[in-house]
PDB file of all heavy atoms in Angstrom:
ATOM      1  N   SER A   1     102.575 114.711 175.923  1.00  0.00           N
ATOM      2  CA  SER A   1     103.258 113.633 175.325  1.00  0.00           C
ATOM      3  C   SER A   1     102.443 112.291 175.603  1.00  0.00           C
ATOM      4  O   SER A   1     101.853 112.214 176.643  1.00  0.00           O
ATOM      5  CB  SER A   1     104.731 113.416 175.900  1.00  0.00           C
ATOM      6  OG  SER A   1     105.422 114.562 175.600  1.00  0.00           O
ATOM      7  N   LEU A   2     102.657 111.279 174.665  1.00  0.00           N
ATOM      8  CA  LEU A   2     102.149 110.009 174.824  1.00  0.00           C
ATOM      9  C   LEU A   2     103.068 109.019 174.245  1.00  0.00           C
ATOM     10  O   LEU A   2     103.839 109.325 173.239  1.00  0.00           O
ATOM     11  CB  LEU A   2     100.858 109.791 174.197  1.00  0.00           C
ATOM     12  CG  LEU A   2      99.398 110.312 174.940  1.00  0.00           C
ATOM     13  CD1 LEU A   2      98.299 110.051 174.012  1.00  0.00           C
ATOM     14  CD2 LEU A   2      99.274 109.636 176.232  1.00  0.00           C
ATOM     15  N   ARG A   3     103.094 107.837 174.758  1.00  0.00           N
ATOM     16  CA  ARG A   3     103.935 106.817 174.103  1.00  0.00           C
ATOM     17  C   ARG A   3     103.049 105.548 173.755  1.00  0.00           C
ATOM     18  O   ARG A   3     102.360 105.062 174.640  1.00  0.00           O
ATOM     19  CB  ARG A   3     105.046 106.271 175.048  1.00  0.00           C
ATOM     20  CG  ARG A   3     105.955 105.358 174.423  1.00  0.00           C
ATOM     21  CD  ARG A   3     107.115 104.989 175.374  1.00  0.00           C
ATOM     22  NE  ARG A   3     108.085 104.049 174.818  1.00  0.00           N
ATOM     23  CZ  ARG A   3     109.128 104.401 174.188  1.00  0.00           C
ATOM     24  NH1 ARG A   3     109.355 105.635 173.887  1.00  0.00           N
ATOM     25  NH2 ARG A   3     109.970 103.509 173.634  1.00  0.00           N
ATOM     26  N   LEU A   4     103.104 105.174 172.504  1.00  0.00           N
ATOM     27  CA  LEU A   4     102.348 104.040 172.050  1.00  0.00           C
ATOM     28  C   LEU A   4     103.368 102.833 171.925  1.00  0.00           C
ATOM     29  O   LEU A   4     104.472 103.033 171.441  1.00  0.00           O
ATOM     30  CB  LEU A   4     101.705 104.282 170.630  1.00  0.00           C
ATOM     31  CG  LEU A   4     100.744 105.500 170.520  1.00  0.00           C
ATOM     32  CD1 LEU A   4     100.160 105.606 169.143  1.00  0.00           C
ATOM     33  CD2 LEU A   4      99.731 105.451 171.606  1.00  0.00           C
ATOM     34  N   SER A   5     102.826 101.679 172.133  1.00  0.00           N
ATOM     35  CA  SER A   5     103.637 100.460 172.038  1.00  0.00           C
ATOM     36  C   SER A   5     102.837  99.401 171.316  1.00  0.00           C
ATOM     37  O   SER A   5     101.643  99.374 171.469  1.00  0.00           O
ATOM     38  CB  SER A   5     104.064 100.014 173.446  1.00  0.00           C
ATOM     39  OG  SER A   5     104.934 100.899 173.998  1.00  0.00           O
ATOM     40  N   CYS A   6     103.547  98.476 170.605  1.00  0.00           N
ATOM     41  CA  CYS A   6     102.857  97.407 169.916  1.00  0.00           C
ATOM     42  C   CYS A   6     103.787  96.237 170.000  1.00  0.00           C
ATOM     43  O   CYS A   6     104.962  96.365 169.659  1.00  0.00           O
ATOM     44  CB  CYS A   6     102.652  97.870 168.456  1.00  0.00           C
ATOM     45  SG  CYS A   6     102.062  96.633 167.402  1.00  0.00           S
ATOM     46  N   ALA A   7     103.159  95.098 170.320  1.00  0.00           N
ATOM     47  CA  ALA A   7     103.943  93.783 170.345  1.00  0.00           C
ATOM     48  C   ALA A   7     103.326  92.806 169.376  1.00  0.00           C
ATOM     49  O   ALA A   7     102.105  92.650 169.396  1.00  0.00           O
ATOM     50  CB  ALA A   7     103.915  93.321 171.792  1.00  0.00           C
ATOM     51  N   ALA A   8     104.209  92.183 168.632  1.00  0.00           N
ATOM     52  CA  ALA A   8     103.824  91.173 167.691  1.00  0.00           C
ATOM     53  C   ALA A   8     103.974  89.813 168.372  1.00  0.00           C
ATOM     54  O   ALA A   8     105.005  89.582 169.048  1.00  0.00           O
ATOM     55  CB  ALA A   8     104.547  91.319 166.420  1.00  0.00           C
ATOM     56  N   SER A   9     103.085  89.006 168.159  1.00  0.00           N
ATOM     57  CA  SER A   9     103.145  87.534 168.738  1.00  0.00           C
ATOM     58  C   SER A   9     102.494  86.596 167.724  1.00  0.00           C
ATOM     59  O   SER A   9     101.839  86.981 166.863  1.00  0.00           O
ATOM     60  CB  SER A   9     102.338  87.467 170.031  1.00  0.00           C
ATOM     61  OG  SER A   9     100.955  87.713 169.875  1.00  0.00           O
ATOM     62  N   GLY A  10     102.907  85.388 167.946  1.00  0.00           N
ATOM     63  CA  GLY A  10     102.417  84.236 167.001  1.00  0.00           C
ATOM     64  C   GLY A  10     103.574  83.659 166.260  1.00  0.00           C
ATOM     65  O   GLY A  10     104.660  83.614 166.585  1.00  0.00           O
ATOM     66  N   SER A  11     103.187  83.202 165.040  1.00  0.00           N
ATOM     67  CA  SER A  11     104.132  82.618 164.195  1.00  0.00           C
ATOM     68  C   SER A  11     104.930  83.589 163.317  1.00  0.00           C
ATOM     69  O   SER A  11     104.640  83.932 162.279  1.00  0.00           O
ATOM     70  CB  SER A  11     103.382  81.577 163.231  1.00  0.00           C
ATOM     71  OG  SER A  11     102.681  80.627 163.879  1.00  0.00           O
ATOM     72  N   ILE A  12     106.043  84.109 164.044  1.00  0.00           N
ATOM     73  CA  ILE A  12     106.828  85.255 163.390  1.00  0.00           C
ATOM     74  C   ILE A  12     108.113  84.634 162.885  1.00  0.00           C
ATOM     75  O   ILE A  12     108.848  84.106 163.853  1.00  0.00           O
ATOM     76  CB  ILE A  12     107.018  86.290 164.407  1.00  0.00           C
ATOM     77  CG1 ILE A  12     105.613  86.877 164.808  1.00  0.00           C
ATOM     78  CG2 ILE A  12     107.829  87.412 163.864  1.00  0.00           C
ATOM     79  CD1 ILE A  12     105.701  87.783 166.034  1.00  0.00           C
ATOM     80  N   PHE A  13     108.404  84.687 161.647  1.00  0.00           N
ATOM     81  CA  PHE A  13     109.702  84.208 161.168  1.00  0.00           C
ATOM     82  C   PHE A  13     110.621  85.350 160.656  1.00  0.00           C
ATOM     83  O   PHE A  13     111.776  85.321 160.812  1.00  0.00           O
ATOM     84  CB  PHE A  13     109.445  83.286 160.041  1.00  0.00           C
ATOM     85  CG  PHE A  13     108.681  82.012 160.534  1.00  0.00           C
ATOM     86  CD1 PHE A  13     107.318  81.811 160.217  1.00  0.00           C
ATOM     87  CD2 PHE A  13     109.378  81.014 161.214  1.00  0.00           C
ATOM     88  CE1 PHE A  13     106.651  80.804 160.564  1.00  0.00           C
ATOM     89  CE2 PHE A  13     108.626  79.913 161.658  1.00  0.00           C
ATOM     90  CZ  PHE A  13     107.255  79.724 161.327  1.00  0.00           C
ATOM     91  N   ALA A  14     109.942  86.335 160.035  1.00  0.00           N
ATOM     92  CA  ALA A  14     110.771  87.494 159.584  1.00  0.00           C
ATOM     93  C   ALA A  14     109.837  88.694 159.597  1.00  0.00           C
ATOM     94  O   ALA A  14     108.906  88.774 158.830  1.00  0.00           O
ATOM     95  CB  ALA A  14     111.236  87.134 158.210  1.00  0.00           C
ATOM     96  N   ILE A  15     110.332  89.738 160.336  1.00  0.00           N
ATOM     97  CA  ILE A  15     109.581  91.022 160.359  1.00  0.00           C
ATOM     98  C   ILE A  15     110.395  92.012 159.517  1.00  0.00           C
ATOM     99  O   ILE A  15     111.490  92.380 159.859  1.00  0.00           O
ATOM    100  CB  ILE A  15     109.364  91.522 161.768  1.00  0.00           C
ATOM    101  CG1 ILE A  15     108.653  90.458 162.650  1.00  0.00           C
ATOM    102  CG2 ILE A  15     108.584  92.818 161.654  1.00  0.00           C
ATOM    103  CD1 ILE A  15     108.418  90.886 164.038  1.00  0.00           C
ATOM    104  N   GLY A  16     109.663  92.569 158.540  1.00  0.00           N
ATOM    105  CA  GLY A  16     110.220  93.684 157.776  1.00  0.00           C
ATOM    106  C   GLY A  16     109.922  95.004 158.354  1.00  0.00           C
ATOM    107  O   GLY A  16     110.285  95.238 159.470  1.00  0.00           O
ATOM    108  N   PHE A  17     109.174  95.786 157.696  1.00  0.00           N
ATOM    109  CA  PHE A  17     108.826  97.089 158.280  1.00  0.00           C
ATOM    110  C   PHE A  17     107.860  96.893 159.465  1.00  0.00           C
ATOM    111  O   PHE A  17     106.994  95.944 159.503  1.00  0.00           O
ATOM    112  CB  PHE A  17     107.909  97.911 157.216  1.00  0.00           C
ATOM    113  CG  PHE A  17     108.900  98.563 156.155  1.00  0.00           C
ATOM    114  CD1 PHE A  17     108.900  98.152 154.906  1.00  0.00           C
ATOM    115  CD2 PHE A  17     109.590  99.714 156.453  1.00  0.00           C
ATOM    116  CE1 PHE A  17     109.617  98.723 153.939  1.00  0.00           C
ATOM    117  CE2 PHE A  17     110.411 100.330 155.568  1.00  0.00           C
ATOM    118  CZ  PHE A  17     110.433  99.887 154.240  1.00  0.00           C
ATOM    119  N   MET A  18     108.012  97.802 160.362  1.00  0.00           N
ATOM    120  CA  MET A  18     107.032  97.955 161.492  1.00  0.00           C
ATOM    121  C   MET A  18     106.743  99.468 161.521  1.00  0.00           C
ATOM    122  O   MET A  18     107.630 100.275 161.299  1.00  0.00           O
ATOM    123  CB  MET A  18     107.566  97.539 162.838  1.00  0.00           C
ATOM    124  CG  MET A  18     107.800  95.951 162.884  1.00  0.00           C
ATOM    125  SD  MET A  18     108.103  95.382 164.532  1.00  0.00           S
ATOM    126  CE  MET A  18     106.485  95.241 165.236  1.00  0.00           C
ATOM    127  N   GLY A  19     105.514  99.755 161.903  1.00  0.00           N
ATOM    128  CA  GLY A  19     105.232 101.209 161.848  1.00  0.00           C
ATOM    129  C   GLY A  19     103.944 101.529 162.410  1.00  0.00           C
ATOM    130  O   GLY A  19     103.215 100.645 162.944  1.00  0.00           O
ATOM    131  N   TRP A  20     103.489 102.788 162.237  1.00  0.00           N
ATOM    132  CA  TRP A  20     102.335 103.397 162.795  1.00  0.00           C
ATOM    133  C   TRP A  20     101.569 104.114 161.774  1.00  0.00           C
ATOM    134  O   TRP A  20     102.237 104.947 161.038  1.00  0.00           O
ATOM    135  CB  TRP A  20     102.605 104.220 163.977  1.00  0.00           C
ATOM    136  CG  TRP A  20     103.091 103.517 165.187  1.00  0.00           C
ATOM    137  CD1 TRP A  20     104.352 103.232 165.481  1.00  0.00           C
ATOM    138  CD2 TRP A  20     102.282 102.787 166.260  1.00  0.00           C
ATOM    139  NE1 TRP A  20     104.424 102.510 166.604  1.00  0.00           N
ATOM    140  CE2 TRP A  20     103.145 102.205 167.169  1.00  0.00           C
ATOM    141  CE3 TRP A  20     100.989 102.692 166.431  1.00  0.00           C
ATOM    142  CZ2 TRP A  20     102.799 101.558 168.242  1.00  0.00           C
ATOM    143  CZ3 TRP A  20     100.535 102.028 167.602  1.00  0.00           C
ATOM    144  CH2 TRP A  20     101.406 101.419 168.413  1.00  0.00           C
ATOM    145  N   TYR A  21     100.336 103.882 161.629  1.00  0.00           N
ATOM    146  CA  TYR A  21      99.496 104.690 160.750  1.00  0.00           C
ATOM    147  C   TYR A  21      98.352 105.278 161.670  1.00  0.00           C
ATOM    148  O   TYR A  21      98.148 104.862 162.777  1.00  0.00           O
ATOM    149  CB  TYR A  21      98.805 103.909 159.674  1.00  0.00           C
ATOM    150  CG  TYR A  21      99.753 103.393 158.664  1.00  0.00           C
ATOM    151  CD1 TYR A  21     100.773 102.440 158.887  1.00  0.00           C
ATOM    152  CD2 TYR A  21      99.569 103.791 157.341  1.00  0.00           C
ATOM    153  CE1 TYR A  21     101.568 102.063 157.874  1.00  0.00           C
ATOM    154  CE2 TYR A  21     100.503 103.408 156.343  1.00  0.00           C
ATOM    155  CZ  TYR A  21     101.393 102.485 156.532  1.00  0.00           C
ATOM    156  OH  TYR A  21     102.262 102.025 155.602  1.00  0.00           O
ATOM    157  N   ARG A  22      97.674 106.274 161.164  1.00  0.00           N
ATOM    158  CA  ARG A  22      96.629 106.884 161.880  1.00  0.00           C
ATOM    159  C   ARG A  22      95.374 107.344 160.910  1.00  0.00           C
ATOM    160  O   ARG A  22      95.673 107.592 159.792  1.00  0.00           O
ATOM    161  CB  ARG A  22      97.032 108.151 162.646  1.00  0.00           C
ATOM    162  CG  ARG A  22      97.405 109.269 161.782  1.00  0.00           C
ATOM    163  CD  ARG A  22      97.957 110.450 162.690  1.00  0.00           C
ATOM    164  NE  ARG A  22      98.403 111.576 161.891  1.00  0.00           N
ATOM    165  CZ  ARG A  22      98.979 112.648 162.427  1.00  0.00           C
ATOM    166  NH1 ARG A  22      99.375 112.637 163.677  1.00  0.00           N
ATOM    167  NH2 ARG A  22      99.399 113.614 161.574  1.00  0.00           N
ATOM    168  N   GLN A  23      94.267 107.297 161.514  1.00  0.00           N
ATOM    169  CA  GLN A  23      93.113 107.603 160.781  1.00  0.00           C
ATOM    170  C   GLN A  23      92.201 108.571 161.600  1.00  0.00           C
ATOM    171  O   GLN A  23      91.671 108.087 162.626  1.00  0.00           O
ATOM    172  CB  GLN A  23      92.327 106.379 160.282  1.00  0.00           C
ATOM    173  CG  GLN A  23      91.096 106.720 159.297  1.00  0.00           C
ATOM    174  CD  GLN A  23      90.620 105.487 158.647  1.00  0.00           C
ATOM    175  OE1 GLN A  23      90.810 104.349 159.146  1.00  0.00           O
ATOM    176  NE2 GLN A  23      89.895 105.704 157.589  1.00  0.00           N
ATOM    177  N   ALA A  24      91.959 109.804 161.145  1.00  0.00           N
ATOM    178  CA  ALA A  24      91.100 110.712 161.749  1.00  0.00           C
ATOM    179  C   ALA A  24      89.702 110.627 161.200  1.00  0.00           C
ATOM    180  O   ALA A  24      89.553 110.173 160.007  1.00  0.00           O
ATOM    181  CB  ALA A  24      91.613 112.089 161.606  1.00  0.00           C
ATOM    182  N   PRO A  25      88.766 111.041 161.803  1.00  0.00           N
ATOM    183  CA  PRO A  25      87.288 110.962 161.369  1.00  0.00           C
ATOM    184  C   PRO A  25      87.142 111.684 159.982  1.00  0.00           C
ATOM    185  O   PRO A  25      87.615 112.750 159.885  1.00  0.00           O
ATOM    186  CB  PRO A  25      86.496 111.627 162.418  1.00  0.00           C
ATOM    187  CG  PRO A  25      87.268 111.496 163.605  1.00  0.00           C
ATOM    188  CD  PRO A  25      88.743 111.619 163.326  1.00  0.00           C
ATOM    189  N   GLY A  26      86.683 110.929 159.039  1.00  0.00           N
ATOM    190  CA  GLY A  26      86.393 111.524 157.651  1.00  0.00           C
ATOM    191  C   GLY A  26      87.616 111.578 156.857  1.00  0.00           C
ATOM    192  O   GLY A  26      87.614 112.127 155.719  1.00  0.00           O
ATOM    193  N   LYS A  27      88.778 110.953 157.302  1.00  0.00           N
ATOM    194  CA  LYS A  27      89.978 111.118 156.538  1.00  0.00           C
ATOM    195  C   LYS A  27      90.520 109.741 156.307  1.00  0.00           C
ATOM    196  O   LYS A  27      90.176 108.677 156.873  1.00  0.00           O
ATOM    197  CB  LYS A  27      90.976 111.862 157.302  1.00  0.00           C
ATOM    198  CG  LYS A  27      90.687 113.408 157.383  1.00  0.00           C
ATOM    199  CD  LYS A  27      91.818 114.186 158.038  1.00  0.00           C
ATOM    200  CE  LYS A  27      91.490 115.669 158.116  1.00  0.00           C
ATOM    201  NZ  LYS A  27      92.752 116.435 158.709  1.00  0.00           N
ATOM    202  N   GLN A  28      91.336 109.650 155.183  1.00  0.00           N
ATOM    203  CA  GLN A  28      92.045 108.355 154.987  1.00  0.00           C
ATOM    204  C   GLN A  28      93.094 107.971 155.913  1.00  0.00           C
ATOM    205  O   GLN A  28      93.644 108.896 156.671  1.00  0.00           O
ATOM    206  CB  GLN A  28      92.642 108.417 153.503  1.00  0.00           C
ATOM    207  CG  GLN A  28      91.606 108.475 152.383  1.00  0.00           C
ATOM    208  CD  GLN A  28      92.157 108.256 151.004  1.00  0.00           C
ATOM    209  OE1 GLN A  28      93.364 108.696 150.917  1.00  0.00           O
ATOM    210  NE2 GLN A  28      91.463 107.717 150.143  1.00  0.00           N
ATOM    211  N   ARG A  29      93.377 106.759 156.050  1.00  0.00           N
ATOM    212  CA  ARG A  29      94.465 106.262 156.921  1.00  0.00           C
ATOM    213  C   ARG A  29      95.765 106.775 156.271  1.00  0.00           C
ATOM    214  O   ARG A  29      95.981 106.623 155.042  1.00  0.00           O
ATOM    215  CB  ARG A  29      94.457 104.704 157.005  1.00  0.00           C
ATOM    216  CG  ARG A  29      95.402 104.172 158.044  1.00  0.00           C
ATOM    217  CD  ARG A  29      95.277 102.697 158.296  1.00  0.00           C
ATOM    218  NE  ARG A  29      93.967 102.333 158.768  1.00  0.00           N
ATOM    219  CZ  ARG A  29      93.581 101.109 159.124  1.00  0.00           C
ATOM    220  NH1 ARG A  29      94.473 100.073 159.182  1.00  0.00           N
ATOM    221  NH2 ARG A  29      92.348 100.892 159.545  1.00  0.00           N
ATOM    222  N   GLU A  30      96.649 107.273 157.160  1.00  0.00           N
ATOM    223  CA  GLU A  30      97.870 107.794 156.593  1.00  0.00           C
ATOM    224  C   GLU A  30      99.103 107.269 157.427  1.00  0.00           C
ATOM    225  O   GLU A  30      98.936 106.939 158.737  1.00  0.00           O
ATOM    226  CB  GLU A  30      97.893 109.325 156.680  1.00  0.00           C
ATOM    227  CG  GLU A  30      97.787 109.917 158.068  1.00  0.00           C
ATOM    228  CD  GLU A  30      97.912 111.468 158.173  1.00  0.00           C
ATOM    229  OE1 GLU A  30      98.076 112.134 157.008  1.00  0.00           O
ATOM    230  OE2 GLU A  30      97.819 111.974 159.270  1.00  0.00           O
ATOM    231  N   LEU A  31     100.219 107.183 156.774  1.00  0.00           N
ATOM    232  CA  LEU A  31     101.476 106.694 157.480  1.00  0.00           C
ATOM    233  C   LEU A  31     101.934 107.856 158.487  1.00  0.00           C
ATOM    234  O   LEU A  31     101.940 109.025 158.013  1.00  0.00           O
ATOM    235  CB  LEU A  31     102.556 106.460 156.465  1.00  0.00           C
ATOM    236  CG  LEU A  31     103.948 106.253 156.988  1.00  0.00           C
ATOM    237  CD1 LEU A  31     103.927 104.849 157.785  1.00  0.00           C
ATOM    238  CD2 LEU A  31     104.977 106.208 155.940  1.00  0.00           C
ATOM    239  N   VAL A  32     102.271 107.482 159.650  1.00  0.00           N
ATOM    240  CA  VAL A  32     102.869 108.333 160.622  1.00  0.00           C
ATOM    241  C   VAL A  32     104.320 108.143 160.658  1.00  0.00           C
ATOM    242  O   VAL A  32     105.070 109.183 160.559  1.00  0.00           O
ATOM    243  CB  VAL A  32     102.230 108.160 162.049  1.00  0.00           C
ATOM    244  CG1 VAL A  32     102.871 109.066 163.013  1.00  0.00           C
ATOM    245  CG2 VAL A  32     100.816 108.342 162.025  1.00  0.00           C
ATOM    246  N   ALA A  33     104.747 106.897 160.859  1.00  0.00           N
ATOM    247  CA  ALA A  33     106.241 106.592 160.913  1.00  0.00           C
ATOM    248  C   ALA A  33     106.444 105.107 160.667  1.00  0.00           C
ATOM    249  O   ALA A  33     105.503 104.317 161.045  1.00  0.00           O
ATOM    250  CB  ALA A  33     106.847 107.017 162.203  1.00  0.00           C
ATOM    251  N   ARG A  34     107.463 104.797 160.117  1.00  0.00           N
ATOM    252  CA  ARG A  34     107.858 103.360 159.990  1.00  0.00           C
ATOM    253  C   ARG A  34     109.376 103.135 160.139  1.00  0.00           C
ATOM    254  O   ARG A  34     110.094 104.120 159.977  1.00  0.00           O
ATOM    255  CB  ARG A  34     107.314 102.834 158.710  1.00  0.00           C
ATOM    256  CG  ARG A  34     108.107 103.336 157.444  1.00  0.00           C
ATOM    257  CD  ARG A  34     107.508 102.790 156.159  1.00  0.00           C
ATOM    258  NE  ARG A  34     108.141 103.326 155.003  1.00  0.00           N
ATOM    259  CZ  ARG A  34     107.881 102.981 153.803  1.00  0.00           C
ATOM    260  NH1 ARG A  34     107.058 102.017 153.503  1.00  0.00           N
ATOM    261  NH2 ARG A  34     108.487 103.540 152.735  1.00  0.00           N
ATOM    262  N   ILE A  35     109.654 101.901 160.374  1.00  0.00           N
ATOM    263  CA  ILE A  35     111.114 101.592 160.732  1.00  0.00           C
ATOM    264  C   ILE A  35     111.454 100.229 160.218  1.00  0.00           C
ATOM    265  O   ILE A  35     110.682  99.242 160.354  1.00  0.00           O
ATOM    266  CB  ILE A  35     111.367 101.741 162.250  1.00  0.00           C
ATOM    267  CG1 ILE A  35     112.859 101.568 162.574  1.00  0.00           C
ATOM    268  CG2 ILE A  35     110.555 100.784 163.080  1.00  0.00           C
ATOM    269  CD1 ILE A  35     113.307 101.964 164.001  1.00  0.00           C
ATOM    270  N   THR A  36     112.624 100.134 159.551  1.00  0.00           N
ATOM    271  CA  THR A  36     112.943  98.820 159.168  1.00  0.00           C
ATOM    272  C   THR A  36     113.706  98.013 160.243  1.00  0.00           C
ATOM    273  O   THR A  36     114.010  98.533 161.251  1.00  0.00           O
ATOM    274  CB  THR A  36     114.057  98.975 157.926  1.00  0.00           C
ATOM    275  OG1 THR A  36     115.292  99.470 158.424  1.00  0.00           O
ATOM    276  CG2 THR A  36     113.462  99.875 156.910  1.00  0.00           C
ATOM    277  N   SER A  37     113.980  96.752 159.945  1.00  0.00           N
ATOM    278  CA  SER A  37     114.718  95.886 160.897  1.00  0.00           C
ATOM    279  C   SER A  37     116.090  96.471 161.216  1.00  0.00           C
ATOM    280  O   SER A  37     116.606  96.177 162.349  1.00  0.00           O
ATOM    281  CB  SER A  37     114.683  94.443 160.399  1.00  0.00           C
ATOM    282  OG  SER A  37     115.415  94.316 159.217  1.00  0.00           O
ATOM    283  N   GLY A  38     116.608  97.148 160.176  1.00  0.00           N
ATOM    284  CA  GLY A  38     117.996  97.724 160.447  1.00  0.00           C
ATOM    285  C   GLY A  38     117.939  99.126 161.112  1.00  0.00           C
ATOM    286  O   GLY A  38     118.948  99.646 161.408  1.00  0.00           O
ATOM    287  N   GLY A  39     116.782  99.668 161.397  1.00  0.00           N
ATOM    288  CA  GLY A  39     116.702 100.890 162.117  1.00  0.00           C
ATOM    289  C   GLY A  39     116.490 102.129 161.220  1.00  0.00           C
ATOM    290  O   GLY A  39     116.434 103.206 161.769  1.00  0.00           O
ATOM    291  N   SER A  40     116.354 101.950 159.890  1.00  0.00           N
ATOM    292  CA  SER A  40     116.066 103.118 159.053  1.00  0.00           C
ATOM    293  C   SER A  40     114.675 103.604 159.237  1.00  0.00           C
ATOM    294  O   SER A  40     113.767 102.724 159.399  1.00  0.00           O
ATOM    295  CB  SER A  40     116.354 102.712 157.572  1.00  0.00           C
ATOM    296  OG  SER A  40     117.652 102.505 157.306  1.00  0.00           O
ATOM    297  N   THR A  41     114.430 104.879 159.343  1.00  0.00           N
ATOM    298  CA  THR A  41     113.139 105.447 159.635  1.00  0.00           C
ATOM    299  C   THR A  41     112.548 106.345 158.551  1.00  0.00           C
ATOM    300  O   THR A  41     113.315 107.032 157.764  1.00  0.00           O
ATOM    301  CB  THR A  41     113.170 106.120 160.997  1.00  0.00           C
ATOM    302  OG1 THR A  41     114.057 107.241 160.819  1.00  0.00           O
ATOM    303  CG2 THR A  41     113.524 105.289 162.157  1.00  0.00           C
ATOM    304  N   ASP A  42     111.184 106.479 158.489  1.00  0.00           N
ATOM    305  CA  ASP A  42     110.468 107.432 157.685  1.00  0.00           C
ATOM    306  C   ASP A  42     109.426 108.019 158.541  1.00  0.00           C
ATOM    307  O   ASP A  42     108.728 107.375 159.319  1.00  0.00           O
ATOM    308  CB  ASP A  42     109.843 106.797 156.498  1.00  0.00           C
ATOM    309  CG  ASP A  42     110.695 106.313 155.402  1.00  0.00           C
ATOM    310  OD1 ASP A  42     111.691 106.987 155.155  1.00  0.00           O
ATOM    311  OD2 ASP A  42     110.577 105.146 154.891  1.00  0.00           O
ATOM    312  N   TYR A  43     109.291 109.326 158.405  1.00  0.00           N
ATOM    313  CA  TYR A  43     108.206 110.012 159.080  1.00  0.00           C
ATOM    314  C   TYR A  43     107.330 110.850 158.130  1.00  0.00           C
ATOM    315  O   TYR A  43     107.810 111.381 157.221  1.00  0.00           O
ATOM    316  CB  TYR A  43     108.770 110.924 160.098  1.00  0.00           C
ATOM    317  CG  TYR A  43     109.584 110.366 161.310  1.00  0.00           C
ATOM    318  CD1 TYR A  43     110.895 110.071 161.190  1.00  0.00           C
ATOM    319  CD2 TYR A  43     108.899 109.895 162.457  1.00  0.00           C
ATOM    320  CE1 TYR A  43     111.580 109.499 162.287  1.00  0.00           C
ATOM    321  CE2 TYR A  43     109.593 109.293 163.435  1.00  0.00           C
ATOM    322  CZ  TYR A  43     110.934 109.124 163.320  1.00  0.00           C
ATOM    323  OH  TYR A  43     111.627 108.424 164.429  1.00  0.00           O
ATOM    324  N   ALA A  44     106.161 111.065 158.435  1.00  0.00           N
ATOM    325  CA  ALA A  44     105.320 112.010 157.832  1.00  0.00           C
ATOM    326  C   ALA A  44     105.832 113.423 158.216  1.00  0.00           C
ATOM    327  O   ALA A  44     106.235 113.602 159.346  1.00  0.00           O
ATOM    328  CB  ALA A  44     103.810 111.899 158.330  1.00  0.00           C
ATOM    329  N   ASP A  45     105.684 114.322 157.150  1.00  0.00           N
ATOM    330  CA  ASP A  45     106.167 115.677 157.385  1.00  0.00           C
ATOM    331  C   ASP A  45     105.591 116.283 158.609  1.00  0.00           C
ATOM    332  O   ASP A  45     106.166 117.052 159.359  1.00  0.00           O
ATOM    333  CB  ASP A  45     105.975 116.530 156.208  1.00  0.00           C
ATOM    334  CG  ASP A  45     106.880 116.144 155.065  1.00  0.00           C
ATOM    335  OD1 ASP A  45     107.904 115.483 155.251  1.00  0.00           O
ATOM    336  OD2 ASP A  45     106.580 116.556 153.868  1.00  0.00           O
ATOM    337  N   SER A  46     104.368 115.971 158.873  1.00  0.00           N
ATOM    338  CA  SER A  46     103.563 116.622 159.919  1.00  0.00           C
ATOM    339  C   SER A  46     104.030 116.225 161.291  1.00  0.00           C
ATOM    340  O   SER A  46     103.706 116.937 162.297  1.00  0.00           O
ATOM    341  CB  SER A  46     102.094 116.371 159.793  1.00  0.00           C
ATOM    342  OG  SER A  46     101.863 114.965 159.848  1.00  0.00           O
TER     343      SER A  46
END
C-alpha cells in the first residue's frame, strides 16, 4: 500500500474537481480517480 497526498496553495477561490491521473512509460496519461467538492467520486475500472 501507498498513500499519495496533494495540497493546493495560492490564490484559491473555488475548487471543483480534484483528482489523480497517472502516466506509465509509453502510455497516455489516464484518470485514476477524481472527487467533487461534494464528495462524489469516479474511479478507473482498473
